[in-house]
Amino acid sequence: MILARGDYENMLKDSLIQKLSWLEEEFHFLFNFKKRNYSQKDRDLANLIIKNITESVNSSEGVRMRELLIDTLKSIESIYPELF
């Protein structure tokens, strides 16, 4: 089965949206209950998670996908600024 370029791009976008949803949920699960009382270990974990997600977004995947990533990171930062 050969995928058209549009199909491939849609699959990449869907995959990224799933990763970004997971990222938001993970931050909520890990850090929401701490009420801004974060340890250095929490900050390190948050930065490691962000680094891994950011590295998983291939720069060739398109501007729109990078924008989705940036929007999600800004949203997370607005909720958990002490972790950035």
Protein backbone atom coordinates (compact mmCIF):
# COMPACT_ATOMS: atom_id res chain seq x y z
CA MET A 1 0.00 0.00 0.00
CA ILE A 2 1.41 3.36 -1.05
CA LEU A 3 0.47 6.40 0.99
CA ALA A 4 -0.11 9.74 -0.67
CA ARG A 5 1.87 12.63 0.77
CA GLY A 6 -1.30 14.11 2.28
CA ASP A 7 -2.11 10.81 4.01
CA TYR A 8 1.40 10.64 5.44
CA GLU A 9 1.22 14.22 6.69
CA ASN A 10 -2.16 13.54 8.28
CA MET A 11 -0.73 10.48 10.02
CA LEU A 12 2.20 12.55 11.33
CA LYS A 13 -0.15 15.26 12.54
CA ASP A 14 -2.42 12.74 14.27
CA SER A 15 0.60 11.14 15.93
CA LEU A 16 1.85 14.51 17.12
CA ILE A 17 -1.57 15.49 18.46
CA GLN A 18 -1.64 12.24 20.46
CA LYS A 19 1.84 12.96 21.86
CA LEU A 20 0.86 16.50 22.80
CA SER A 21 -2.32 15.32 24.49
CA TRP A 22 -0.26 12.79 26.41
CA LEU A 23 2.20 15.54 27.37
CA GLU A 24 -0.52 17.76 28.82
CA GLU A 25 -2.09 14.84 30.67
CA GLU A 26 1.28 13.72 32.02
CA PHE A 27 2.07 17.17 33.39
CA HIS A 28 -1.33 17.32 35.02
CA PHE A 29 -0.90 13.85 36.51
CA LEU A 30 2.65 14.44 37.76
CA PHE A 31 2.57 18.03 38.92
CA ASN A 32 -0.97 19.33 39.48
CA PHE A 33 -1.36 17.95 42.99
CA LYS A 34 1.90 19.50 44.24
CA LYS A 35 0.40 23.01 44.32
CA ARG A 36 3.53 24.71 43.02
CA ASN A 37 5.73 23.13 45.66
CA TYR A 38 8.16 21.61 43.15
CA SER A 39 11.50 20.05 43.98
CA GLN A 40 14.58 20.13 41.78
CA LYS A 41 13.79 16.52 40.88
CA ASP A 42 10.36 17.66 39.61
CA ARG A 43 11.96 20.39 37.51
CA ASP A 44 14.50 17.95 36.09
CA LEU A 45 11.76 15.45 35.23
CA ALA A 46 9.64 18.13 33.55
CA ASN A 47 12.58 19.31 31.46
CA LEU A 48 13.50 15.75 30.49
CA ILE A 49 9.95 15.03 29.34
CA ILE A 50 9.85 18.24 27.31
CA LYS A 51 13.27 17.54 25.80
CA ASN A 52 12.23 14.05 24.72
CA ILE A 53 8.96 15.23 23.16
CA THR A 54 10.69 18.13 21.42
CA GLU A 55 13.38 15.86 20.00
CA SER A 56 10.73 13.45 18.74
CA VAL A 57 9.27 16.16 16.51
CA ASN A 58 11.35 15.97 13.38
CA SER A 59 12.18 19.39 11.98
CA SER A 60 11.10 18.20 8.55
CA GLU A 61 7.57 17.50 9.79
CA GLY A 62 6.37 20.95 8.90
CA VAL A 63 5.78 24.36 10.31
CA ARG A 64 2.23 23.64 11.47
CA MET A 65 3.37 20.70 13.59
CA ARG A 66 6.11 22.76 15.22
CA GLU A 67 3.51 25.44 15.92
CA LEU A 68 1.30 22.83 17.61
CA LEU A 69 4.24 21.80 19.78
CA ILE A 70 5.07 25.40 20.68
CA ASP A 71 1.43 26.19 21.52
CA THR A 72 1.23 23.15 23.78
CA LEU A 73 4.47 24.03 25.55
CA LYS A 74 3.28 27.61 26.09
CA SER A 75 0.03 26.30 27.54
CA ILE A 76 1.88 23.99 29.93
CA GLU A 77 4.27 26.78 30.89
CA SER A 78 1.36 29.08 31.72
CA ILE A 79 -0.03 26.46 34.12
CA TYR A 80 3.32 25.31 35.59
CA PRO A 81 5.71 28.28 35.17
CA GLU A 82 7.94 27.17 38.05
CA LEU A 83 8.91 24.04 36.12
CA PHE A 84 10.40 25.99 33.22
